[in-house]
Structures are given as C-alpha cells and as structure tokens.
Protein backbone atom coordinates (compact mmCIF):
# COMPACT_ATOMS: atom_id res chain seq x y z
CA MET A 1 0.22 0.05 -0.04
CA THR A 2 1.28 2.66 -0.86
CA GLN A 3 -1.33 5.34 -0.49
CA PRO A 4 -1.49 8.45 1.77
CA LEU A 5 -3.62 7.62 5.64
CA PHE A 6 -5.00 10.56 6.99
CA LEU A 7 -5.91 11.19 11.21
CA VAL A 8 -9.13 12.77 11.62
CA GLY A 9 -10.93 13.04 14.97
CA ALA A 10 -11.20 15.88 17.59
CA ARG A 11 -8.61 17.82 19.14
CA GLY A 12 -7.26 15.57 21.82
CA CYS A 13 -7.62 11.82 20.05
CA GLY A 14 -4.62 11.07 19.66
CA LYS A 15 -3.60 11.86 15.48
CA THR A 16 0.05 13.71 16.15
CA THR A 17 1.19 10.75 18.37
CA VAL A 18 -1.21 7.68 16.80
CA GLY A 19 0.24 8.71 13.09
CA GLY A 20 4.04 9.25 14.43
CA GLU A 21 3.76 5.86 15.70
CA LEU A 22 1.99 4.57 12.60
CA ALA A 23 4.47 5.98 10.19
CA GLN A 24 7.25 4.11 12.57
CA ALA A 25 5.49 0.82 12.11
CA LEU A 26 5.21 1.31 8.31
CA ASN A 27 8.26 3.27 7.29
CA TYR A 28 6.26 5.94 5.85
CA ARG A 29 6.91 9.83 6.92
CA PHE A 30 4.40 11.25 9.30
CA ALA A 31 3.11 15.22 8.37
CA ASP A 32 1.01 17.07 10.30
CA THR A 33 -1.25 19.40 8.94
CA ASP A 34 -1.38 22.46 12.29
CA HIS A 35 2.24 21.70 12.22
CA TRP A 36 2.87 22.35 8.42
CA LEU A 37 0.62 25.31 8.36
CA GLN A 38 2.12 27.06 12.25
CA GLN A 39 5.42 26.72 10.95
CA ASN A 40 5.17 27.43 6.67
CA ALA A 41 3.17 30.73 8.42
CA GLY A 42 5.18 31.99 11.12
CA MET A 43 2.72 31.80 13.51
CA ASN A 44 0.34 30.37 15.51
CA VAL A 45 -2.90 29.11 15.63
CA ALA A 46 -4.05 31.91 17.88
CA GLN A 47 -2.82 34.22 16.50
CA ILE A 48 -2.88 32.84 12.76
CA VAL A 49 -7.00 33.64 13.76
CA GLU A 50 -6.94 36.11 15.77
CA GLY A 51 -4.81 37.54 12.24
CA GLU A 52 -7.62 36.34 9.92
CA GLY A 53 -10.21 34.83 11.43
CA TRP A 54 -11.76 31.05 11.28
CA ALA A 55 -11.88 31.25 7.74
CA GLY A 56 -8.53 32.06 7.08
CA PHE A 57 -7.29 29.72 9.35
CA ARG A 58 -9.48 27.29 7.64
CA GLN A 59 -8.14 28.06 3.76
CA ARG A 60 -4.53 27.96 5.12
CA GLU A 61 -5.46 24.24 6.51
CA SER A 62 -6.66 23.57 3.36
CA GLN A 63 -3.73 24.54 1.43
CA ALA A 64 -1.67 22.40 4.06
CA LEU A 65 -3.80 19.75 3.67
CA GLN A 66 -3.29 19.64 -0.13
CA ALA A 67 0.50 20.54 0.42
CA VAL A 68 0.99 17.55 2.56
CA THR A 69 -0.88 15.14 0.91
CA ALA A 70 1.96 11.88 -0.78
CA PRO A 71 2.18 8.93 -1.33
CA GLU A 72 3.21 6.75 1.36
CA GLN A 73 2.59 9.31 4.42
CA VAL A 74 0.48 9.30 7.58
CA ILE A 75 -1.28 13.12 7.36
CA ALA A 76 -2.32 13.78 11.12
CA THR A 77 -5.35 15.89 10.33
CA GLY A 78 -6.24 19.17 12.62
CA GLY A 79 -10.16 18.67 14.30
CA GLY A 80 -11.60 20.79 12.27
CA MET A 81 -9.81 19.82 8.41
CA VAL A 82 -13.52 17.75 7.86
CA LEU A 83 -15.70 20.67 7.90
CA ALA A 84 -14.89 21.55 4.59
CA ASP A 85 -16.30 19.22 2.29
CA HIS A 86 -13.93 19.94 -0.34
CA ASN A 87 -11.35 18.65 2.45
CA ARG A 88 -13.62 15.42 3.16
CA ARG A 89 -13.45 14.46 -0.57
CA PHE A 90 -10.36 14.42 -1.16
CA MET A 91 -9.17 13.06 1.44
CA ARG A 92 -11.18 10.58 0.54
CA GLU A 93 -10.01 10.22 -2.95
CA ARG A 94 -6.97 10.56 -2.54
CA GLY A 95 -5.66 7.84 0.93
CA VAL A 96 -7.20 5.80 3.02
CA VAL A 97 -9.37 7.99 5.65
CA ILE A 98 -9.32 6.76 9.48
CA TYR A 99 -11.44 8.48 12.11
CA LEU A 100 -9.77 7.89 15.53
CA GLU A 101 -12.67 8.35 17.74
CA ALA A 102 -12.95 8.55 21.84
CA SER A 103 -15.98 9.18 24.31
CA VAL A 104 -15.88 13.31 25.17
CA ALA A 105 -14.94 12.47 28.97
CA GLU A 106 -11.70 10.79 27.93
CA LEU A 107 -10.62 14.03 25.15
CA ALA A 108 -11.68 16.01 27.77
CA ARG A 109 -8.94 14.37 30.40
CA ARG A 110 -6.38 14.41 28.06
CA LEU A 111 -7.18 18.39 27.36
CA GLU A 112 -7.26 18.78 30.94
CA ALA A 113 -4.22 16.71 31.67
CA PHE A 114 -1.80 18.25 28.69
CA PRO A 115 -3.58 22.11 27.70
CA GLU A 116 -2.14 23.36 24.76
CA GLU A 117 -2.01 26.68 25.98
CA GLY A 118 -1.32 29.65 23.22
CA GLN A 119 -2.37 27.06 20.44
CA ARG A 120 -5.33 26.87 20.32
CA PRO A 121 -8.30 29.19 21.03
CA THR A 122 -11.24 28.01 21.99
CA LEU A 123 -13.73 27.21 19.28
CA THR A 124 -17.34 28.21 21.55
CA GLY A 125 -16.05 30.57 24.76
CA ARG A 126 -17.17 27.08 27.32
CA GLY A 127 -15.42 24.36 29.33
CA ILE A 128 -12.93 22.70 28.23
CA SER A 129 -15.35 19.43 28.99
CA ASP A 130 -19.10 21.65 27.36
CA GLU A 131 -17.41 22.88 24.35
CA VAL A 132 -15.66 18.90 23.60
CA ALA A 133 -19.35 18.02 23.84
CA GLU A 134 -20.79 20.63 21.46
CA VAL A 135 -17.86 20.38 19.10
CA LEU A 136 -18.30 16.89 18.50
CA ALA A 137 -21.76 16.80 18.53
CA ALA A 138 -20.98 18.55 15.45
CA ARG A 139 -18.70 17.02 13.94
CA ASP A 140 -18.91 13.11 14.36
CA ALA A 141 -21.63 12.39 11.44
CA LEU A 142 -18.51 14.66 9.30
CA TYR A 143 -15.79 12.85 10.60
CA ARG A 144 -17.14 9.75 9.79
CA GLU A 145 -18.31 11.01 6.60
CA ALA A 146 -15.03 11.74 6.02
CA ALA A 147 -14.13 8.08 7.23
CA HIS A 148 -13.26 4.41 5.10
CA HIS A 149 -12.59 3.70 8.76
CA VAL A 150 -13.16 3.90 12.74
CA VAL A 151 -10.65 3.27 15.79
CA ASP A 152 -11.68 3.41 19.04
CA ALA A 153 -8.62 6.36 20.02
CA SER A 154 -9.20 5.67 24.13
CA LEU A 155 -6.51 3.05 24.47
CA PRO A 156 -3.03 3.82 24.18
CA PRO A 157 -1.10 4.49 21.49
CA GLN A 158 0.79 1.63 20.01
CA GLN A 159 -3.19 -0.86 21.08
CA VAL A 160 -4.60 2.28 18.41
CA VAL A 161 -2.01 1.12 16.11
CA THR A 162 -2.55 -2.12 15.58
CA GLN A 163 -5.95 -1.54 16.05
CA ILE A 164 -5.45 0.80 12.03
CA LEU A 165 -2.90 -2.38 10.40
CA CYS A 166 -5.77 -4.89 10.81
CA ALA A 167 -8.85 -2.56 9.63
CA LEU A 168 -6.09 -2.83 6.42
CA ARG A 169 -5.42 -5.67 6.89
CA LEU A 170 -1.51 -4.89 7.30
CA ALA A 171 -0.52 -6.73 10.00
CA ASP A 172 -0.99 -10.81 10.87
CA ALA A 173 -2.62 -10.71 14.78
CA CYS A 174 -5.25 -9.79 14.19
C-alpha cells in the first residue's frame, strides 16, 4: 500500500501521537497539517485566528492538507479539517481516512492533562468538557462521512496503531 493515510478526529484524540507511531510501523513519512501550517505561516494557530479569523485559518488548513499529501505519508489533520466538504472529498479520493474516535470524557481528560496554551483558541468560549461535547456533536457525522475506517482512540497509542493495521489488513495478529 502506498496511499497516504489521513487521521481525522477531535482535538485530543491522539492524531499526532498515533500518526507518528503508525508512520514508524509502516516505514512511512509523517506530517501534521497544523505543524506544517504554523511553520509556513510563522505564527501559531491563535495568532492566525486573531489576524485572519477562523475563515482565514480554515483556508490555510486546506492548503496545508494539499501541500503535505503524498504517497507513503501518514497525515495528522487538524480537528476541523472535515468541516470543508472539499477536504473530506480530497482525503477520501486520494488516500485512506481513519477516524480516531474517543468519548467526550476521554477527550476532555486528555486536553485538561496536556493543555496547549497559546496554540488553539477556544471555539465556543466554554469550559473544556462543554466545548468538547459541543464540537464533537457538530463534527462526529463529518468524521464518519470522511472515514474509511473508525477506530477506538481511547486505547493506548500502540493499541490504536494495531487497530489501524488490522483495519488496513496489514497485521498478522488481528
């Protein structure tokens, strides 16, 4: 298999962590659209949103997706990547999309344990648990629409990688 693998899911589901381990397991390269975007913009997400609004950020996010997409690449996408229909179509047509699904409680626990100060502004102005619930309610159907496979991201990263390899039929012990 040489197609790119796109990891989608809510903030805190482990796209970057799992993506790095999955890339290593497959001997693929790894890219994170948020990291690419920030490096190329010379600003963090909060600064981009402050200067250009969410619409400007989303436009840059789509450009990042296209820029990092390549064969034999695992791509961790921003949590809102699926908001644009053209991004969902792009990922489905050019590779395999994997939704890292986790509960609101698990996502909130992770975000509270590892806050990303200054990186990602609040989407709703609410507390973490309320925001995660609201955002996930709005995006879950979009993640599912984009995905070829859905895996349980509440497990430790190596177990999530194993689930993905099994879903792709690339592991013997499934």
